[in-house]
Amino acid sequence: MPKHPIPPKPTTAPASKPMEIPNMRVNVYSQELTDEVLRIEKPSNTGITYSAVQFILHSSERLHHPPEDDDRSAVTFWLPKSVKRRERLAQAFEEAARLVRTAPRETGLD
């Protein structure tokens, strides 16, 4: 038997069946949250500038040297182009804020 077995070849779904995309969930714990929220803009090589809202997460200062090195962890929400979809996203954030404000106080960790 070889020391390092050869990995199997990747498989793809048959042409008649689309590949399934698994559900994705992102967990951010209260201890990681900060009150720093940024709007960022990133120009692409196509000439389009994309905008996002970024929630900066707590990160050890030991990880960032020199100070210009801003590779902190964040959760980034890239904004849709249409006004209608942007408004729906804003409404979802407003609903999240309402749920945070009305959640029972005895839940969660600081």
Protein backbone atom coordinates (compact mmCIF):
# COMPACT_ATOMS: atom_id res chain seq x y z
CA MET A 1 0.00 0.00 0.00
CA PRO A 2 1.42 3.45 -0.89
CA LYS A 3 2.48 5.69 1.96
CA HIS A 4 0.09 8.45 0.82
CA PRO A 5 -3.01 6.97 -0.83
CA ILE A 6 -4.23 8.71 -3.95
CA PRO A 7 -7.46 10.59 -3.21
CA PRO A 8 -10.51 9.62 -5.24
CA LYS A 9 -11.40 11.73 -8.22
CA PRO A 10 -14.06 14.34 -7.55
CA THR A 11 -17.49 13.35 -8.70
CA THR A 12 -20.13 15.51 -10.26
CA ALA A 13 -23.86 15.05 -10.55
CA PRO A 14 -25.19 13.61 -13.79
CA ALA A 15 -26.13 16.26 -16.33
CA SER A 16 -29.84 15.53 -15.79
CA LYS A 17 -29.62 16.19 -12.00
CA PRO A 18 -28.42 19.49 -10.55
CA MET A 19 -25.93 19.22 -7.71
CA GLU A 20 -27.43 19.89 -4.30
CA ILE A 21 -26.04 22.81 -2.36
CA PRO A 22 -26.00 22.16 1.37
CA ASN A 23 -27.55 24.67 3.74
CA MET A 24 -25.08 26.97 5.41
CA ARG A 25 -25.29 28.50 8.85
CA VAL A 26 -22.93 31.00 10.46
CA ASN A 27 -22.76 31.12 14.26
CA VAL A 28 -21.40 34.23 15.94
CA TYR A 29 -21.26 34.08 19.72
CA SER A 30 -22.07 37.11 21.88
CA GLN A 31 -18.49 37.20 23.19
CA GLU A 32 -17.28 37.82 19.61
CA LEU A 33 -19.61 40.75 18.95
CA THR A 34 -18.49 44.35 18.93
CA ASP A 35 -20.43 47.52 18.24
CA GLU A 36 -18.30 48.28 15.17
CA VAL A 37 -20.32 48.22 11.95
CA LEU A 38 -18.79 49.51 8.71
CA ARG A 39 -19.95 50.21 5.19
CA ILE A 40 -17.26 49.10 2.80
CA GLU A 41 -16.83 49.50 -0.94
CA LYS A 42 -14.69 47.25 -3.12
CA PRO A 43 -14.00 48.03 -6.78
CA SER A 44 -13.73 44.97 -9.00
CA ASN A 45 -11.62 44.48 -12.09
CA THR A 46 -14.83 44.85 -14.15
CA GLY A 47 -15.28 48.47 -13.11
CA ILE A 48 -18.19 47.73 -10.78
CA THR A 49 -17.90 48.87 -7.17
CA TYR A 50 -19.59 46.56 -4.70
CA SER A 51 -20.88 47.79 -1.33
CA ALA A 52 -21.33 45.85 1.87
CA VAL A 53 -22.20 46.21 5.53
CA GLN A 54 -19.60 44.59 7.73
CA PHE A 55 -19.96 43.58 11.39
CA ILE A 56 -16.45 43.53 12.89
CA LEU A 57 -15.84 40.73 15.40
CA HIS A 58 -13.66 40.76 18.50
CA SER A 59 -10.08 39.82 17.75
CA SER A 60 -6.96 39.66 19.85
CA GLU A 61 -4.64 42.65 19.42
CA ARG A 62 -1.75 40.18 19.25
CA LEU A 63 -2.97 39.10 15.82
CA HIS A 64 -2.60 42.53 14.22
CA HIS A 65 0.88 43.86 13.81
CA PRO A 66 1.53 46.52 12.52
CA PRO A 67 -1.62 48.56 13.26
CA GLU A 68 -2.30 49.01 9.52
CA ASP A 69 -2.84 45.24 9.27
CA ASP A 70 -6.65 45.12 9.41
CA ASP A 71 -7.45 41.47 8.80
CA ARG A 72 -9.91 41.24 11.64
CA SER A 73 -12.69 38.73 11.46
CA ALA A 74 -16.01 40.08 10.27
CA VAL A 75 -19.39 39.06 8.97
CA THR A 76 -19.93 40.83 5.66
CA PHE A 77 -23.28 41.31 3.94
CA TRP A 78 -22.79 42.29 0.29
CA LEU A 79 -25.58 44.60 -0.77
CA PRO A 80 -27.91 43.86 -3.66
CA LYS A 81 -28.08 46.30 -6.55
CA SER A 82 -31.83 46.89 -6.67
CA VAL A 83 -33.51 49.37 -4.35
CA LYS A 84 -36.27 46.83 -3.64
CA ARG A 85 -33.88 44.09 -2.49
CA ARG A 86 -31.81 46.58 -0.45
CA GLU A 87 -34.96 47.70 1.32
CA ARG A 88 -35.90 44.08 2.07
CA LEU A 89 -32.43 43.54 3.55
CA ALA A 90 -32.78 46.70 5.67
CA GLN A 91 -36.17 45.48 6.88
CA ALA A 92 -34.63 42.12 7.84
CA PHE A 93 -31.95 43.92 9.89
CA GLU A 94 -34.65 46.07 11.53
CA GLU A 95 -36.60 42.91 12.42
CA ALA A 96 -33.42 41.39 13.87
CA ALA A 97 -32.94 44.54 15.98
CA ARG A 98 -36.53 44.25 17.23
CA LEU A 99 -35.99 40.60 18.17
CA VAL A 100 -32.78 41.49 20.03
CA ARG A 101 -34.53 44.24 21.99
CA THR A 102 -37.49 42.05 22.95
CA ALA A 103 -35.63 38.81 23.77
CA PRO A 104 -35.82 37.67 27.41
CA ARG A 105 -33.00 39.23 29.42
CA GLU A 106 -32.02 35.98 31.12
CA THR A 107 -30.83 34.43 27.85
CA GLY A 108 -27.37 34.81 26.38
CA LEU A 109 -23.86 35.39 27.66
CA ASP A 110 -21.79 38.54 28.04
